[in-house]
Amino acid sequence: MECYECAREGAAAAAVAVCRECGAAVCLRHVRTEETEILKPAGLGKVTSDQSARRLTCPVCRRAEATA
């Protein structure tokens, strides 16, 4: 699979991830990585996990989230 963003630019690069929001395949240059807390239901409240989760998005979805 090739990177969607690179294909739009007229280039070709192997995809290494899939955007969790839109499903587009992205290469190392275009993937946006961030850590996020995981909340689990526990009794009457929620508990935050000790370990962070990884969240991968494409540049388009990342920009959309930043402006929301």
C-alpha atoms as a PDB file:
ATOM      1  CA  MET A   1       0.000   0.000   0.000  1.00  0.00           C
ATOM      2  CA  GLU A   2       1.220   3.512  -0.767  1.00  0.00           C
ATOM      3  CA  CYS A   3       0.774   6.793   1.097  1.00  0.00           C
ATOM      4  CA  TYR A   4      -2.334   8.681   0.019  1.00  0.00           C
ATOM      5  CA  GLU A   5      -0.806  12.101   0.745  1.00  0.00           C
ATOM      6  CA  CYS A   6       2.300  11.333  -1.343  1.00  0.00           C
ATOM      7  CA  ALA A   7       0.113  10.084  -4.211  1.00  0.00           C
ATOM      8  CA  ARG A   8      -1.771  13.390  -4.180  1.00  0.00           C
ATOM      9  CA  GLU A   9       1.602  15.164  -4.513  1.00  0.00           C
ATOM     10  CA  GLY A  10       2.569  12.966  -7.467  1.00  0.00           C
ATOM     11  CA  ALA A  11       5.122  10.920  -5.524  1.00  0.00           C
ATOM     12  CA  ALA A  12       5.186   7.371  -4.214  1.00  0.00           C
ATOM     13  CA  ALA A  13       6.092   6.194  -0.710  1.00  0.00           C
ATOM     14  CA  ALA A  14       5.258   3.068   1.231  1.00  0.00           C
ATOM     15  CA  ALA A  15       2.538   3.497   3.836  1.00  0.00           C
ATOM     16  CA  VAL A  16       3.443   2.595   7.414  1.00  0.00           C
ATOM     17  CA  ALA A  17       0.172   3.484   9.176  1.00  0.00           C
ATOM     18  CA  VAL A  18      -3.543   4.086   8.697  1.00  0.00           C
ATOM     19  CA  CYS A  19      -5.267   7.223   9.987  1.00  0.00           C
ATOM     20  CA  ARG A  20      -7.633   6.279  12.813  1.00  0.00           C
ATOM     21  CA  GLU A  21     -10.158   8.924  11.729  1.00  0.00           C
ATOM     22  CA  CYS A  22     -10.455   8.640   7.923  1.00  0.00           C
ATOM     23  CA  GLY A  23      -8.604   5.396   7.153  1.00  0.00           C
ATOM     24  CA  ALA A  24      -6.097   6.930   4.726  1.00  0.00           C
ATOM     25  CA  ALA A  25      -2.751   5.129   4.426  1.00  0.00           C
ATOM     26  CA  VAL A  26       0.176   7.407   5.354  1.00  0.00           C
ATOM     27  CA  CYS A  27       3.990   7.221   5.223  1.00  0.00           C
ATOM     28  CA  LEU A  28       6.459   8.176   7.953  1.00  0.00           C
ATOM     29  CA  ARG A  29       6.640  11.742   6.624  1.00  0.00           C
ATOM     30  CA  HIS A  30       2.888  12.292   6.814  1.00  0.00           C
ATOM     31  CA  VAL A  31       1.817  10.309   9.894  1.00  0.00           C
ATOM     32  CA  ARG A  32       1.058  12.358  13.023  1.00  0.00           C
ATOM     33  CA  THR A  33       1.612  10.538  16.312  1.00  0.00           C
ATOM     34  CA  GLU A  34       0.410  11.562  19.756  1.00  0.00           C
ATOM     35  CA  GLU A  35      -0.094   9.864  23.086  1.00  0.00           C
ATOM     36  CA  THR A  36      -3.501   9.813  24.699  1.00  0.00           C
ATOM     37  CA  GLU A  37      -4.839   8.660  28.051  1.00  0.00           C
ATOM     38  CA  ILE A  38      -7.084   5.635  28.227  1.00  0.00           C
ATOM     39  CA  LEU A  39     -10.127   5.918  30.491  1.00  0.00           C
ATOM     40  CA  LYS A  40     -11.723   2.741  31.815  1.00  0.00           C
ATOM     41  CA  PRO A  41     -15.059   2.511  33.609  1.00  0.00           C
ATOM     42  CA  ALA A  42     -14.562   1.507  37.234  1.00  0.00           C
ATOM     43  CA  GLY A  43     -17.497   1.338  39.595  1.00  0.00           C
ATOM     44  CA  LEU A  44     -19.007   4.813  39.943  1.00  0.00           C
ATOM     45  CA  GLY A  45     -16.254   6.630  38.080  1.00  0.00           C
ATOM     46  CA  LYS A  46     -13.496   6.272  35.528  1.00  0.00           C
ATOM     47  CA  VAL A  47      -9.895   5.266  36.039  1.00  0.00           C
ATOM     48  CA  THR A  48      -7.019   6.482  33.904  1.00  0.00           C
ATOM     49  CA  SER A  49      -4.672   3.749  32.710  1.00  0.00           C
ATOM     50  CA  ASP A  50      -1.039   3.936  33.847  1.00  0.00           C
ATOM     51  CA  GLN A  51       0.102   3.471  30.260  1.00  0.00           C
ATOM     52  CA  SER A  52      -0.631   5.930  27.436  1.00  0.00           C
ATOM     53  CA  ALA A  53      -1.985   4.762  24.094  1.00  0.00           C
ATOM     54  CA  ARG A  54      -0.639   5.763  20.704  1.00  0.00           C
ATOM     55  CA  ARG A  55      -2.937   7.629  18.299  1.00  0.00           C
ATOM     56  CA  LEU A  56      -2.018   7.925  14.589  1.00  0.00           C
ATOM     57  CA  THR A  57      -3.648  10.404  12.210  1.00  0.00           C
ATOM     58  CA  CYS A  58      -3.057  11.918   8.780  1.00  0.00           C
ATOM     59  CA  PRO A  59      -2.225  15.629   8.401  1.00  0.00           C
ATOM     60  CA  VAL A  60      -5.744  16.500   7.185  1.00  0.00           C
ATOM     61  CA  CYS A  61      -7.496  14.970  10.198  1.00  0.00           C
ATOM     62  CA  ARG A  62      -4.905  16.446  12.561  1.00  0.00           C
ATOM     63  CA  ARG A  63      -5.552  19.958  11.171  1.00  0.00           C
ATOM     64  CA  ALA A  64      -9.321  19.430  11.413  1.00  0.00           C
ATOM     65  CA  GLU A  65      -9.004  18.405  15.076  1.00  0.00           C
ATOM     66  CA  ALA A  66      -6.768  21.383  15.871  1.00  0.00           C
ATOM     67  CA  THR A  67      -9.311  23.866  14.500  1.00  0.00           C
ATOM     68  CA  ALA A  68     -12.365  22.234  16.099  1.00  0.00           C
END
